[in-house]
Protein backbone atom coordinates (compact mmCIF):
# COMPACT_ATOMS: atom_id res chain seq x y z
CA UNK A 1 -169.72 105.16 147.20
CA UNK A 2 -170.29 104.11 143.45
CA UNK A 3 -170.51 100.48 143.16
CA UNK A 4 -169.60 99.03 139.61
CA UNK A 5 -170.41 95.29 138.91
CA UNK A 6 -167.36 93.53 137.06
CA UNK A 7 -169.16 91.00 134.30
CA UNK A 8 -167.27 89.01 132.03
CA UNK A 9 -167.22 85.96 129.35
CA UNK A 10 -170.62 84.74 129.25
CA UNK A 11 -170.14 82.69 126.23
CA UNK A 12 -173.93 83.21 125.82
CA UNK A 13 -176.04 79.50 124.45
CA UNK A 14 -177.32 77.77 123.21
CA UNK A 15 -175.34 78.31 120.20
CA UNK A 16 -177.11 79.63 116.92
CA UNK A 17 -176.51 77.34 113.77
CA UNK A 18 -174.72 78.85 112.29
CA UNK A 19 -174.48 78.81 108.10
CA UNK A 20 -172.17 75.91 106.32
CA UNK A 21 -170.77 78.33 104.47
CA UNK A 22 -169.59 80.04 107.61
CA UNK A 23 -168.33 76.55 108.72
CA UNK A 24 -164.67 76.76 107.11
CA UNK A 25 -161.67 77.68 109.05
CA UNK A 26 -161.13 78.36 112.36
CA UNK A 27 -164.93 78.76 113.12
CA UNK A 28 -164.72 74.26 112.23
CA UNK A 29 -162.84 73.79 114.62
CA UNK A 30 -164.92 76.24 116.57
CA UNK A 31 -168.09 74.94 116.44
CA UNK A 32 -166.26 70.78 116.85
CA UNK A 33 -165.43 72.49 120.47
CA UNK A 34 -168.00 73.62 121.26
CA UNK A 35 -170.65 70.15 120.62
CA UNK A 36 -168.23 67.93 122.04
CA UNK A 37 -166.94 69.95 125.21
CA UNK A 38 -167.82 74.18 125.62
CA UNK A 39 -171.62 73.88 125.07
CA UNK A 40 -171.18 71.21 128.66
CA UNK A 41 -170.07 74.24 130.53
CA UNK A 42 -171.42 77.45 129.70
CA UNK A 43 -175.03 77.00 130.54
CA UNK A 44 -178.24 79.47 130.07
CA UNK A 45 -179.32 78.07 132.53
CA UNK A 46 -176.61 79.27 134.91
CA UNK A 47 -176.21 82.70 133.40
CA UNK A 48 -179.24 83.76 134.10
CA UNK A 49 -179.00 82.84 138.16
CA UNK A 50 -175.68 84.88 137.97
CA UNK A 51 -177.43 87.55 136.43
CA UNK A 52 -179.74 88.11 138.82
CA UNK A 53 -177.85 87.70 141.42
CA UNK A 54 -176.09 90.57 139.81
CA UNK A 55 -179.42 92.62 139.40
CA UNK A 56 -180.09 92.33 142.60
CA UNK A 57 -176.95 94.43 144.53
CA UNK A 58 -178.62 97.62 141.74
CA UNK A 59 -175.21 97.94 140.87
CA UNK A 60 -174.48 102.13 140.08
CA UNK A 61 -173.12 100.32 136.56
CA UNK A 62 -172.25 97.26 134.77
CA UNK A 63 -169.11 96.70 133.38
CA UNK A 64 -169.16 94.04 130.33
CA UNK A 65 -164.60 92.32 130.29
CA UNK A 66 -165.77 90.45 126.44
CA UNK A 67 -166.22 86.97 124.96
CA UNK A 68 -169.94 87.70 124.53
CA UNK A 69 -170.24 85.09 121.87
CA UNK A 70 -168.20 81.14 120.96
CA UNK A 71 -166.63 81.12 117.29
CA UNK A 72 -168.42 85.31 116.21
CA UNK A 73 -171.52 84.04 113.64
CA UNK A 74 -173.36 85.76 112.00
CA UNK A 75 -176.59 85.10 114.12
CA UNK A 76 -175.27 85.24 117.04
CA UNK A 77 -174.57 89.30 117.52
CA UNK A 78 -178.29 89.47 118.18
CA UNK A 79 -179.06 87.55 120.83
CA UNK A 80 -176.45 88.90 123.21
CA UNK A 81 -177.11 92.16 121.95
CA UNK A 82 -180.81 91.07 123.46
CA UNK A 83 -177.73 90.03 126.72
CA UNK A 84 -177.02 93.15 127.53
CA UNK A 85 -180.43 94.63 126.81
CA UNK A 86 -180.82 92.75 129.40
CA UNK A 87 -178.79 94.28 131.23
CA UNK A 88 -178.83 97.78 131.20
CA UNK A 89 -179.07 100.79 129.09
CA UNK A 90 -175.81 100.82 127.06
CA UNK A 91 -175.91 104.24 129.09
CA UNK A 92 -175.69 102.32 131.99
CA UNK A 93 -173.18 99.12 131.16
CA UNK A 94 -169.46 99.23 129.45
CA UNK A 95 -168.16 97.19 127.18
CA UNK A 96 -165.20 95.64 125.53
CA UNK A 97 -164.62 93.09 123.36
CA UNK A 98 -162.76 89.48 122.99
CA UNK A 99 -161.04 86.72 121.26
CA UNK A 100 -164.15 85.14 121.11
CA UNK A 101 -166.36 88.33 119.17
CA UNK A 102 -163.44 88.71 116.77
CA UNK A 103 -163.00 85.33 116.09
CA UNK A 104 -161.58 85.63 112.50
CA UNK A 105 -160.96 88.19 110.39
CA UNK A 106 -164.17 90.40 109.24
CA UNK A 107 -166.76 89.82 112.52
CA UNK A 108 -165.50 93.11 114.03
CA UNK A 109 -168.46 94.68 111.61
CA UNK A 110 -171.11 93.26 113.98
CA UNK A 111 -169.20 95.16 116.65
CA UNK A 112 -170.41 98.16 116.03
CA UNK A 113 -173.53 97.36 114.33
CA UNK A 114 -174.89 95.32 116.72
CA UNK A 115 -173.16 96.33 120.71
CA UNK A 116 -171.62 99.68 119.47
CA UNK A 117 -173.40 101.59 121.82
CA UNK A 118 -172.26 99.15 124.99
CA UNK A 119 -168.78 100.74 123.64
CA UNK A 120 -168.92 104.32 122.53
CA UNK A 121 -167.36 107.41 123.66
CA UNK A 122 -169.31 109.92 125.45
CA UNK A 123 -167.55 112.42 122.89
CA UNK A 124 -169.09 110.89 120.41
CA UNK A 125 -166.83 112.06 117.62
CA UNK A 126 -164.73 110.05 118.84
CA UNK A 127 -164.42 106.35 117.76
CA UNK A 128 -162.37 103.25 117.88
CA UNK A 129 -160.60 102.26 121.25
CA UNK A 130 -160.49 103.56 123.65
CA UNK A 131 -163.78 104.68 124.05
CA UNK A 132 -163.25 107.20 127.87
CA UNK A 133 -166.27 107.09 129.70
CA UNK A 134 -167.11 108.90 132.69
CA UNK A 135 -169.09 107.72 135.04
CA UNK A 136 -169.82 109.89 138.65
CA UNK A 137 -166.52 109.52 140.38
CA UNK A 138 -165.10 107.27 137.60
CA UNK A 139 -162.84 107.14 134.53
CA UNK A 140 -164.17 104.16 131.40
CA UNK A 141 -161.76 103.72 129.95
CA UNK A 142 -162.07 100.31 127.34
CA UNK A 143 -159.65 99.15 125.06
CA UNK A 144 -159.61 96.23 123.03
CA UNK A 145 -157.08 93.52 122.84
CA UNK A 146 -159.91 90.87 119.94
CA UNK A 147 -158.16 89.83 116.95
CA UNK A 148 -158.08 87.35 114.43
CA UNK A 149 -155.86 84.89 114.90
CA UNK A 150 -155.28 81.24 113.36
CA UNK A 151 -156.64 78.54 114.33
CA UNK A 152 -156.51 76.55 117.67
CA UNK A 153 -154.59 80.40 119.32
CA UNK A 154 -156.45 82.78 121.56
CA UNK A 155 -153.83 86.01 121.96
CA UNK A 156 -154.70 89.53 121.98
CA UNK A 157 -152.81 93.12 121.42
CA UNK A 158 -153.38 96.09 121.51
CA UNK A 159 -151.22 97.65 118.88
CA UNK A 160 -149.08 100.71 119.48
CA UNK A 161 -151.36 103.23 118.09
CA UNK A 162 -154.45 102.95 121.70
CA UNK A 163 -151.71 101.71 123.86
CA UNK A 164 -149.56 105.68 123.10
CA UNK A 165 -154.02 106.70 123.18
CA UNK A 166 -154.85 104.96 126.25
CA UNK A 167 -151.77 107.07 128.33
CA UNK A 168 -153.52 110.57 126.90
CA UNK A 169 -156.50 109.05 128.77
CA UNK A 170 -154.64 108.10 132.29
CA UNK A 171 -153.25 111.40 132.09
CA UNK A 172 -156.14 113.06 131.28
CA UNK A 173 -158.21 111.95 133.69
CA UNK A 174 -155.66 111.59 136.36
CA UNK A 175 -155.92 115.44 136.26
CA UNK A 176 -159.86 115.77 135.95
CA UNK A 177 -159.01 113.68 139.61
CA UNK A 178 -161.16 110.80 138.51
CA UNK A 179 -161.17 106.78 139.58
CA UNK A 180 -159.05 104.88 136.30
CA UNK A 181 -160.86 102.30 135.59
CA UNK A 182 -158.91 99.98 132.22
CA UNK A 183 -161.65 98.11 130.58
CA UNK A 184 -159.85 95.04 128.56
CA UNK A 185 -160.54 91.13 128.23
CA UNK A 186 -156.92 89.67 128.25
CA UNK A 187 -155.60 89.89 130.88
CA UNK A 188 -151.53 92.19 131.05
CA UNK A 189 -150.24 88.96 133.24
CA UNK A 190 -151.67 85.87 134.34
CA UNK A 191 -149.77 82.82 135.68
CA UNK A 192 -153.06 80.89 134.76
CA UNK A 193 -152.77 81.93 130.96
CA UNK A 194 -151.01 80.04 128.81
CA UNK A 195 -148.76 81.76 126.10
CA UNK A 196 -151.32 81.04 123.15
CA UNK A 197 -153.19 83.13 124.90
CA UNK A 198 -151.87 85.13 126.28
CA UNK A 199 -151.40 89.52 125.22
CA UNK A 200 -149.34 89.98 122.82
CA UNK A 201 -147.72 93.49 123.82
CA UNK A 202 -148.77 93.06 127.60
CA UNK A 203 -145.15 94.57 128.42
CA UNK A 204 -145.63 97.92 126.70
CA UNK A 205 -148.98 97.57 128.43
CA UNK A 206 -147.42 97.57 131.82
CA UNK A 207 -144.38 99.90 131.09
CA UNK A 208 -147.94 102.61 129.72
CA UNK A 209 -149.70 101.57 133.42
CA UNK A 210 -145.81 102.37 135.30
CA UNK A 211 -145.16 105.01 134.48
CA UNK A 212 -149.54 107.01 134.06
CA UNK A 213 -150.97 105.32 136.61
CA UNK A 214 -154.59 104.00 137.20
CA UNK A 215 -156.88 102.60 139.55
CA UNK A 216 -157.54 99.67 139.17
CA UNK A 217 -157.93 97.10 136.15
CA UNK A 218 -161.11 94.65 135.36
CA UNK A 219 -160.26 91.78 132.90
CA UNK A 220 -161.47 88.13 131.75
CA UNK A 221 -160.21 86.04 129.30
CA UNK A 222 -159.37 83.27 132.08
CA UNK A 223 -162.86 82.16 133.95
CA UNK A 224 -161.26 82.45 137.36
CA UNK A 225 -161.33 84.73 139.77
CA UNK A 226 -157.80 86.86 140.54
CA UNK A 227 -155.82 89.43 141.85
CA UNK A 228 -152.19 90.71 141.04
CA UNK A 229 -150.75 93.82 141.47
CA UNK A 230 -149.23 95.70 138.74
CA UNK A 231 -146.24 97.67 139.44
CA UNK A 232 -148.03 102.16 139.15
CA UNK A 233 -146.10 105.68 139.27
CA UNK A 234 -147.27 106.20 143.07
CA UNK A 235 -149.01 102.59 144.48
CA UNK A 236 -148.68 98.91 143.26
CA UNK A 237 -152.25 99.13 140.50
CA UNK A 238 -154.75 96.56 141.43
CA UNK A 239 -155.64 93.91 138.67
CA UNK A 240 -159.15 91.99 138.66
CA UNK A 241 -160.54 89.08 136.79
CA UNK A 242 -164.24 87.53 136.41
CA UNK A 243 -164.49 83.67 135.90
CA UNK A 244 -167.56 82.67 132.81
CA UNK A 245 -170.34 84.28 134.03
CA UNK A 246 -171.71 80.83 132.02
CA UNK A 247 -169.54 78.38 134.06
CA UNK A 248 -170.98 75.75 135.19
CA UNK A 249 -169.57 73.74 138.68
CA UNK A 250 -167.10 71.53 138.29
CA UNK A 251 -164.02 70.49 140.02
CA UNK A 252 -161.38 72.33 139.87
CA UNK A 253 -162.27 76.35 138.47
CA UNK A 254 -163.74 78.95 139.59
CA UNK A 255 -168.23 77.99 138.98
CA UNK A 256 -169.26 80.86 137.30
CA UNK A 257 -169.62 85.14 139.17
CA UNK A 258 -168.69 88.13 138.94
CA UNK A 259 -167.40 90.63 141.08
CA UNK A 260 -169.05 93.93 142.72
CA UNK A 261 -166.02 97.06 142.94
CA UNK A 262 -167.94 99.82 145.74
CA UNK A 263 -165.69 102.44 144.97
CA UNK A 264 -165.35 105.24 147.31
CA UNK A 265 -163.50 108.89 148.60
CA UNK A 266 -161.44 111.57 146.35
CA UNK A 267 -158.22 112.04 144.62
CA UNK A 268 -155.72 110.16 146.63
CA UNK A 269 -157.46 108.96 149.64
CA UNK A 270 -159.57 106.29 147.25
CA UNK A 271 -160.98 103.40 148.83
CA UNK A 272 -162.00 100.24 146.95
CA UNK A 273 -163.58 97.21 148.34
CA UNK A 274 -164.14 94.20 145.65
CA UNK A 275 -166.49 91.67 146.40
CA UNK A 276 -166.22 88.23 144.85
CA UNK A 277 -170.09 86.68 143.95
CA UNK A 278 -171.24 83.91 142.15
CA UNK A 279 -172.65 80.44 141.51
CA UNK A 280 -172.69 78.26 145.08
CA UNK A 281 -170.22 74.93 144.70
CA UNK A 282 -173.11 73.13 144.67
CA UNK A 283 -174.89 74.30 142.12
CA UNK A 284 -178.34 75.38 144.54
CA UNK A 285 -177.50 78.99 145.08
CA UNK A 286 -175.28 81.95 144.35
CA UNK A 287 -172.86 83.32 147.36
CA UNK A 288 -170.28 85.17 147.87
CA UNK A 289 -166.45 84.13 148.32
CA UNK A 290 -165.04 86.70 149.97
CA UNK A 291 -163.79 90.88 150.03
CA UNK A 292 -160.45 92.37 149.31
CA UNK A 293 -159.64 95.93 150.45
CA UNK A 294 -157.51 97.93 148.14
CA UNK A 295 -157.60 100.26 149.69
CA UNK A 296 -153.86 102.17 149.05
CA UNK A 297 -151.65 100.94 152.03
């Protein structure tokens, strides 16, 4: 059995004080929103409890589906790297970025300089997205839907080139008889995701999955535990979301948590069980919320 952990949207706190020159345009509105609202939601002590519970589960590999930082200020990226390193080495942790990680134009340069090793393809000659990492029976295919957008927008986009390369990677890994896990920040479809937060080319992404297949898609962005199924070439493809890993308990929202995916079997006979864990509703500890079997029928 291979145990894959999935954690997302830590929105690391506290927010380092940005340089005054950074507080223009979208960063200015994000900075105000952090101090008015989001600093009360995303709590460092909550994240610490969730990550301690995750590490106690001793997964074989950890995936992080974006939104480590908040407004892409330069001072946010080094602490985020330290948090990634607290989870494990770059060989044991795979990362895809979220919209807050590329909050404004030019921020993507920070990704490669601070987090590049966690997004690196097994073949170091291949750069960019998607990346492909083989771990045990798994193929981890990491996509970037993170693009800079206008204020009050949080949409994502993959682009035609990345989608074409995804199709090639899915076919290659199918021939290798690997359990294909696609990592993306924005959900391809979502009832919780409003128009200004959607994956703009989600229809094209879904079309590639319908034609080429995958065994599992993991995402963040919505800050909720979720499960939907997309059309696949032989059977439906499960799409699993995770809540924010730092979200304090509040009425009407999923508390902080993560997923454990327990995968076993072989090509044509895979089984996968997803265990949703997280902060107890009273905030006093961690608990298991549900177990879902994703084994094909």
